[in-house]
């Protein structure tokens, strides 16, 4: 997938954003093809960036997700992350954490759960991630931050990564378009400069 990495600073965070381009011609009016394959590629990227961290996933609530063995201990959250990847400029609009009821492609609540690797999600049916686009977020945290993560996503006000993410921690959000008008985004925020790791991804 040939996409440019947009690198920028947001307060004390180093940010890296990759946004898939709008399809041309007939493809612009057809469902996006190979969406599951693209999702699995992004999950591989997330795995590479999260090596050595305690990994948490944030995904919309579905009964099928709750039944999976790796979600035996979950925290409910009314917050989801939103990146609008079909803006007119093609740069993507990072809207941050929103109440899940504000996103028409999300359920009332989302689930935070620990993973050994983002690869564990490859076995999930694609519709668990969203109806028109797939959405999933990951936190790569230092050990001992479990309770802090739960409190962060239980806040009454919109959580702010800049005030919470520690220097050696990473946040990743993935959006994969599945239908007309929905496109891809791979967003990474880190408390330290990980540009060298981003450059090693197959982008």
C-alpha atoms as a PDB file:
ATOM      1  CA  UNK A   1       0.000   0.000   0.000  1.00  0.00           C
ATOM      2  CA  UNK A   2       1.710   3.166  -1.219  1.00  0.00           C
ATOM      3  CA  UNK A   3       0.774   5.895   1.250  1.00  0.00           C
ATOM      4  CA  UNK A   4       2.743   8.795   2.677  1.00  0.00           C
ATOM      5  CA  UNK A   5       3.381   9.221   6.395  1.00  0.00           C
ATOM      6  CA  UNK A   6       2.425  12.684   7.671  1.00  0.00           C
ATOM      7  CA  UNK A   7       4.666  13.433  10.676  1.00  0.00           C
ATOM      8  CA  UNK A   8       3.857  16.292  13.072  1.00  0.00           C
ATOM      9  CA  UNK A   9       3.917  17.348  16.729  1.00  0.00           C
ATOM     10  CA  UNK A  10       0.827  17.814  18.892  1.00  0.00           C
ATOM     11  CA  UNK A  11       1.954  19.329  22.169  1.00  0.00           C
ATOM     12  CA  UNK A  12       4.353  16.806  23.688  1.00  0.00           C
ATOM     13  CA  UNK A  13       3.193  13.988  21.396  1.00  0.00           C
ATOM     14  CA  UNK A  14       4.877  12.801  18.211  1.00  0.00           C
ATOM     15  CA  UNK A  15       2.159  11.994  15.664  1.00  0.00           C
ATOM     16  CA  UNK A  16       2.219   9.925  12.486  1.00  0.00           C
ATOM     17  CA  UNK A  17      -0.798   9.762  10.190  1.00  0.00           C
ATOM     18  CA  UNK A  18      -1.324   7.668   7.075  1.00  0.00           C
ATOM     19  CA  UNK A  19      -4.541   8.226   5.115  1.00  0.00           C
ATOM     20  CA  UNK A  20      -5.623   6.124   2.144  1.00  0.00           C
ATOM     21  CA  UNK A  21      -6.534   8.041  -0.995  1.00  0.00           C
ATOM     22  CA  UNK A  22      -9.996   8.257  -2.511  1.00  0.00           C
ATOM     23  CA  UNK A  23     -10.562   5.633  -5.247  1.00  0.00           C
ATOM     24  CA  UNK A  24     -10.737   6.889  -8.817  1.00  0.00           C
ATOM     25  CA  UNK A  25     -13.296   6.221 -11.556  1.00  0.00           C
ATOM     26  CA  UNK A  26     -15.717   3.333 -11.066  1.00  0.00           C
ATOM     27  CA  UNK A  27     -13.985   2.330  -7.835  1.00  0.00           C
ATOM     28  CA  UNK A  28     -15.258   5.509  -6.200  1.00  0.00           C
ATOM     29  CA  UNK A  29     -18.852   4.257  -6.407  1.00  0.00           C
ATOM     30  CA  UNK A  30     -18.223   0.629  -5.441  1.00  0.00           C
ATOM     31  CA  UNK A  31     -17.671  -1.040  -2.072  1.00  0.00           C
ATOM     32  CA  UNK A  32     -14.024  -1.037  -1.025  1.00  0.00           C
ATOM     33  CA  UNK A  33     -12.349  -4.317  -1.957  1.00  0.00           C
ATOM     34  CA  UNK A  34      -9.928  -6.336   0.154  1.00  0.00           C
ATOM     35  CA  UNK A  35     -10.917  -4.494   3.329  1.00  0.00           C
ATOM     36  CA  UNK A  36     -10.130  -7.483   5.542  1.00  0.00           C
ATOM     37  CA  UNK A  37      -6.721  -7.924   3.904  1.00  0.00           C
ATOM     38  CA  UNK A  38      -5.955  -4.249   4.464  1.00  0.00           C
ATOM     39  CA  UNK A  39      -7.113  -4.501   8.097  1.00  0.00           C
ATOM     40  CA  UNK A  40      -4.758  -7.433   8.656  1.00  0.00           C
ATOM     41  CA  UNK A  41      -1.882  -5.429   7.166  1.00  0.00           C
ATOM     42  CA  UNK A  42      -2.571  -2.580   9.595  1.00  0.00           C
ATOM     43  CA  UNK A  43      -2.767  -5.067  12.475  1.00  0.00           C
ATOM     44  CA  UNK A  44       0.689  -6.304  11.451  1.00  0.00           C
ATOM     45  CA  UNK A  45       1.951  -2.707  11.535  1.00  0.00           C
ATOM     46  CA  UNK A  46       0.434  -2.260  14.994  1.00  0.00           C
ATOM     47  CA  UNK A  47       2.084  -5.475  16.182  1.00  0.00           C
ATOM     48  CA  UNK A  48       5.495  -4.219  15.025  1.00  0.00           C
ATOM     49  CA  UNK A  49       5.048  -0.896  16.847  1.00  0.00           C
ATOM     50  CA  UNK A  50       3.726  -2.458  20.067  1.00  0.00           C
ATOM     51  CA  UNK A  51       6.447  -5.072  20.633  1.00  0.00           C
ATOM     52  CA  UNK A  52       7.505  -5.054  24.281  1.00  0.00           C
ATOM     53  CA  UNK A  53       4.470  -3.139  25.566  1.00  0.00           C
ATOM     54  CA  UNK A  54       1.457  -4.165  27.599  1.00  0.00           C
ATOM     55  CA  UNK A  55      -1.190  -3.985  24.868  1.00  0.00           C
ATOM     56  CA  UNK A  56      -4.832  -2.966  25.231  1.00  0.00           C
ATOM     57  CA  UNK A  57      -7.452  -2.937  22.498  1.00  0.00           C
ATOM     58  CA  UNK A  58     -10.468  -0.617  22.329  1.00  0.00           C
ATOM     59  CA  UNK A  59     -13.305  -1.880  20.147  1.00  0.00           C
ATOM     60  CA  UNK A  60     -17.030  -1.322  19.886  1.00  0.00           C
ATOM     61  CA  UNK A  61     -19.204  -3.601  21.989  1.00  0.00           C
ATOM     62  CA  UNK A  62     -20.773  -6.631  20.323  1.00  0.00           C
ATOM     63  CA  UNK A  63     -22.002  -9.862  21.959  1.00  0.00           C
ATOM     64  CA  UNK A  64     -19.632 -11.840  19.709  1.00  0.00           C
ATOM     65  CA  UNK A  65     -16.657  -9.873  21.007  1.00  0.00           C
ATOM     66  CA  UNK A  66     -17.595 -10.478  24.644  1.00  0.00           C
ATOM     67  CA  UNK A  67     -17.657 -14.220  23.953  1.00  0.00           C
ATOM     68  CA  UNK A  68     -14.001 -14.300  22.858  1.00  0.00           C
ATOM     69  CA  UNK A  69     -11.567 -15.813  25.397  1.00  0.00           C
ATOM     70  CA  UNK A  70      -9.212 -12.816  25.331  1.00  0.00           C
ATOM     71  CA  UNK A  71     -12.018 -10.549  26.540  1.00  0.00           C
ATOM     72  CA  UNK A  72     -12.593 -12.424  29.799  1.00  0.00           C
ATOM     73  CA  UNK A  73     -11.677  -9.218  31.642  1.00  0.00           C
ATOM     74  CA  UNK A  74     -13.039  -6.078  30.013  1.00  0.00           C
ATOM     75  CA  UNK A  75     -13.790  -2.492  30.952  1.00  0.00           C
ATOM     76  CA  UNK A  76     -16.806  -0.749  29.463  1.00  0.00           C
ATOM     77  CA  UNK A  77     -16.199   2.696  28.041  1.00  0.00           C
ATOM     78  CA  UNK A  78     -18.453   5.263  26.411  1.00  0.00           C
ATOM     79  CA  UNK A  79     -15.489   6.697  24.471  1.00  0.00           C
ATOM     80  CA  UNK A  80     -14.253   5.752  21.020  1.00  0.00           C
ATOM     81  CA  UNK A  81     -11.547   7.320  18.864  1.00  0.00           C
ATOM     82  CA  UNK A  82     -12.521   8.902  15.562  1.00  0.00           C
ATOM     83  CA  UNK A  83     -10.410   9.806  12.540  1.00  0.00           C
ATOM     84  CA  UNK A  84     -12.385  11.116   9.563  1.00  0.00           C
ATOM     85  CA  UNK A  85     -10.438   9.813   6.573  1.00  0.00           C
ATOM     86  CA  UNK A  86     -12.660  11.031   3.722  1.00  0.00           C
ATOM     87  CA  UNK A  87     -12.196  14.778   4.217  1.00  0.00           C
ATOM     88  CA  UNK A  88     -11.855  16.958   1.092  1.00  0.00           C
ATOM     89  CA  UNK A  89      -8.133  17.632   1.583  1.00  0.00           C
ATOM     90  CA  UNK A  90      -7.273  13.950   1.874  1.00  0.00           C
ATOM     91  CA  UNK A  91      -5.232  14.587   5.013  1.00  0.00           C
ATOM     92  CA  UNK A  92      -7.663  13.099   7.502  1.00  0.00           C
ATOM     93  CA  UNK A  93      -9.324  14.864  10.425  1.00  0.00           C
ATOM     94  CA  UNK A  94      -8.259  13.636  13.859  1.00  0.00           C
ATOM     95  CA  UNK A  95     -11.312  14.214  16.062  1.00  0.00           C
ATOM     96  CA  UNK A  96      -9.922  12.417  19.105  1.00  0.00           C
ATOM     97  CA  UNK A  97     -12.086  10.599  21.623  1.00  0.00           C
ATOM     98  CA  UNK A  98     -15.831  11.050  21.163  1.00  0.00           C
ATOM     99  CA  UNK A  99     -18.788   9.711  23.065  1.00  0.00           C
ATOM    100  CA  UNK A 100     -19.635   6.474  21.284  1.00  0.00           C
ATOM    101  CA  UNK A 101     -23.235   7.573  20.763  1.00  0.00           C
ATOM    102  CA  UNK A 102     -21.891  10.458  18.624  1.00  0.00           C
ATOM    103  CA  UNK A 103     -20.478   8.027  16.056  1.00  0.00           C
ATOM    104  CA  UNK A 104     -23.171   6.536  13.843  1.00  0.00           C
ATOM    105  CA  UNK A 105     -20.943   3.524  13.136  1.00  0.00           C
ATOM    106  CA  UNK A 106     -20.515   2.645  16.806  1.00  0.00           C
ATOM    107  CA  UNK A 107     -22.598   1.003  19.482  1.00  0.00           C
ATOM    108  CA  UNK A 108     -23.572   2.670  22.751  1.00  0.00           C
ATOM    109  CA  UNK A 109     -20.425   1.470  24.471  1.00  0.00           C
ATOM    110  CA  UNK A 110     -16.980   0.135  23.648  1.00  0.00           C
ATOM    111  CA  UNK A 111     -14.770  -2.407  25.380  1.00  0.00           C
ATOM    112  CA  UNK A 112     -11.203  -2.060  26.643  1.00  0.00           C
ATOM    113  CA  UNK A 113      -9.356  -5.369  26.963  1.00  0.00           C
ATOM    114  CA  UNK A 114      -5.810  -6.682  27.268  1.00  0.00           C
ATOM    115  CA  UNK A 115      -4.170  -8.499  24.345  1.00  0.00           C
ATOM    116  CA  UNK A 116      -0.926 -10.361  23.882  1.00  0.00           C
ATOM    117  CA  UNK A 117      -0.742  -8.877  20.369  1.00  0.00           C
ATOM    118  CA  UNK A 118      -2.991  -7.086  17.833  1.00  0.00           C
ATOM    119  CA  UNK A 119      -2.682 -10.294  15.797  1.00  0.00           C
ATOM    120  CA  UNK A 120      -5.258 -11.888  18.094  1.00  0.00           C
ATOM    121  CA  UNK A 121      -7.929  -9.800  16.386  1.00  0.00           C
ATOM    122  CA  UNK A 122      -7.266 -11.320  12.965  1.00  0.00           C
ATOM    123  CA  UNK A 123      -9.594 -14.193  13.803  1.00  0.00           C
ATOM    124  CA  UNK A 124     -12.581 -11.913  14.420  1.00  0.00           C
ATOM    125  CA  UNK A 125     -15.357 -11.548  11.831  1.00  0.00           C
ATOM    126  CA  UNK A 126     -14.961  -8.274   9.969  1.00  0.00           C
ATOM    127  CA  UNK A 127     -18.389  -6.967  11.006  1.00  0.00           C
ATOM    128  CA  UNK A 128     -17.300  -6.888  14.675  1.00  0.00           C
ATOM    129  CA  UNK A 129     -15.089  -3.889  13.822  1.00  0.00           C
ATOM    130  CA  UNK A 130     -17.881  -1.783  12.303  1.00  0.00           C
ATOM    131  CA  UNK A 131     -20.603  -1.740   9.677  1.00  0.00           C
ATOM    132  CA  UNK A 132     -19.361   0.664   6.980  1.00  0.00           C
ATOM    133  CA  UNK A 133     -15.782   0.972   8.175  1.00  0.00           C
ATOM    134  CA  UNK A 134     -13.669  -1.029  10.610  1.00  0.00           C
ATOM    135  CA  UNK A 135     -12.410   0.847  13.688  1.00  0.00           C
ATOM    136  CA  UNK A 136     -10.010  -0.333  16.387  1.00  0.00           C
ATOM    137  CA  UNK A 137      -7.610   1.427  18.752  1.00  0.00           C
ATOM    138  CA  UNK A 138      -4.591   0.141  20.673  1.00  0.00           C
ATOM    139  CA  UNK A 139      -2.650   1.360  23.675  1.00  0.00           C
ATOM    140  CA  UNK A 140       0.971   0.263  24.140  1.00  0.00           C
ATOM    141  CA  UNK A 141       1.593   0.928  27.843  1.00  0.00           C
ATOM    142  CA  UNK A 142       4.294   0.380  30.405  1.00  0.00           C
ATOM    143  CA  UNK A 143       3.623  -2.294  33.037  1.00  0.00           C
ATOM    144  CA  UNK A 144       1.507  -1.282  36.011  1.00  0.00           C
ATOM    145  CA  UNK A 145      -0.748   1.086  34.059  1.00  0.00           C
ATOM    146  CA  UNK A 146      -3.838  -1.135  34.025  1.00  0.00           C
ATOM    147  CA  UNK A 147      -5.935   0.861  36.477  1.00  0.00           C
ATOM    148  CA  UNK A 148      -4.810   4.132  34.948  1.00  0.00           C
ATOM    149  CA  UNK A 149      -6.016   2.967  31.516  1.00  0.00           C
ATOM    150  CA  UNK A 150      -9.417   2.012  32.912  1.00  0.00           C
ATOM    151  CA  UNK A 151      -9.783   5.361  34.670  1.00  0.00           C
ATOM    152  CA  UNK A 152      -8.652   7.215  31.544  1.00  0.00           C
ATOM    153  CA  UNK A 153     -11.496   5.723  29.503  1.00  0.00           C
ATOM    154  CA  UNK A 154     -14.058   6.111  32.294  1.00  0.00           C
ATOM    155  CA  UNK A 155     -13.709   9.892  32.446  1.00  0.00           C
ATOM    156  CA  UNK A 156     -16.759  12.130  32.156  1.00  0.00           C
ATOM    157  CA  UNK A 157     -14.911  14.525  29.854  1.00  0.00           C
ATOM    158  CA  UNK A 158     -13.268  13.569  26.569  1.00  0.00           C
ATOM    159  CA  UNK A 159      -9.947  11.843  27.393  1.00  0.00           C
ATOM    160  CA  UNK A 160      -6.791  13.663  26.287  1.00  0.00           C
ATOM    161  CA  UNK A 161      -3.809  11.558  25.245  1.00  0.00           C
ATOM    162  CA  UNK A 162      -1.429  14.493  25.627  1.00  0.00           C
ATOM    163  CA  UNK A 163      -2.165  14.703  29.348  1.00  0.00           C
ATOM    164  CA  UNK A 164      -1.951  10.962  29.962  1.00  0.00           C
ATOM    165  CA  UNK A 165       0.326   9.076  27.559  1.00  0.00           C
ATOM    166  CA  UNK A 166       3.792   8.622  29.057  1.00  0.00           C
ATOM    167  CA  UNK A 167       7.021   9.323  27.108  1.00  0.00           C
ATOM    168  CA  UNK A 168       7.667   5.684  26.191  1.00  0.00           C
ATOM    169  CA  UNK A 169       4.046   4.756  25.412  1.00  0.00           C
ATOM    170  CA  UNK A 170       2.151   4.504  22.130  1.00  0.00           C
ATOM    171  CA  UNK A 171      -1.444   4.940  20.935  1.00  0.00           C
ATOM    172  CA  UNK A 172      -2.617   3.576  17.573  1.00  0.00           C
ATOM    173  CA  UNK A 173      -5.944   4.005  15.792  1.00  0.00           C
ATOM    174  CA  UNK A 174      -6.947   2.110  12.650  1.00  0.00           C
ATOM    175  CA  UNK A 175      -9.844   2.872  10.308  1.00  0.00           C
ATOM    176  CA  UNK A 176     -10.495   0.700   7.243  1.00  0.00           C
ATOM    177  CA  UNK A 177     -13.178   1.674   4.736  1.00  0.00           C
ATOM    178  CA  UNK A 178     -15.552  -1.059   3.619  1.00  0.00           C
ATOM    179  CA  UNK A 179     -18.232   0.862   1.722  1.00  0.00           C
ATOM    180  CA  UNK A 180     -18.431   3.815  -0.651  1.00  0.00           C
ATOM    181  CA  UNK A 181     -17.287   7.036   1.028  1.00  0.00           C
ATOM    182  CA  UNK A 182     -15.266   5.326   3.781  1.00  0.00           C
ATOM    183  CA  UNK A 183     -11.475   5.209   3.482  1.00  0.00           C
ATOM    184  CA  UNK A 184      -8.433   4.115   5.463  1.00  0.00           C
ATOM    185  CA  UNK A 185      -6.427   5.809   8.218  1.00  0.00           C
ATOM    186  CA  UNK A 186      -3.554   4.611  10.398  1.00  0.00           C
ATOM    187  CA  UNK A 187      -2.772   7.061  13.202  1.00  0.00           C
ATOM    188  CA  UNK A 188       0.039   6.729  15.740  1.00  0.00           C
ATOM    189  CA  UNK A 189       0.747   8.995  18.725  1.00  0.00           C
ATOM    190  CA  UNK A 190       3.770   8.538  20.942  1.00  0.00           C
ATOM    191  CA  UNK A 191       5.401  10.332  23.828  1.00  0.00           C
ATOM    192  CA  UNK A 192       8.756   9.906  22.066  1.00  0.00           C
ATOM    193  CA  UNK A 193      10.013  10.126  18.482  1.00  0.00           C
ATOM    194  CA  UNK A 194       9.424   6.767  16.785  1.00  0.00           C
ATOM    195  CA  UNK A 195       9.852   8.021  13.229  1.00  0.00           C
ATOM    196  CA  UNK A 196      12.503   5.369  12.568  1.00  0.00           C
ATOM    197  CA  UNK A 197       9.974   2.650  13.428  1.00  0.00           C
ATOM    198  CA  UNK A 198       7.348   4.209  11.165  1.00  0.00           C
ATOM    199  CA  UNK A 199       9.857   4.344   8.314  1.00  0.00           C
ATOM    200  CA  UNK A 200      10.342   0.584   8.582  1.00  0.00           C
ATOM    201  CA  UNK A 201       6.655  -0.116   7.949  1.00  0.00           C
ATOM    202  CA  UNK A 202       5.731  -1.178   4.419  1.00  0.00           C
ATOM    203  CA  UNK A 203       4.051   2.093   3.467  1.00  0.00           C
END
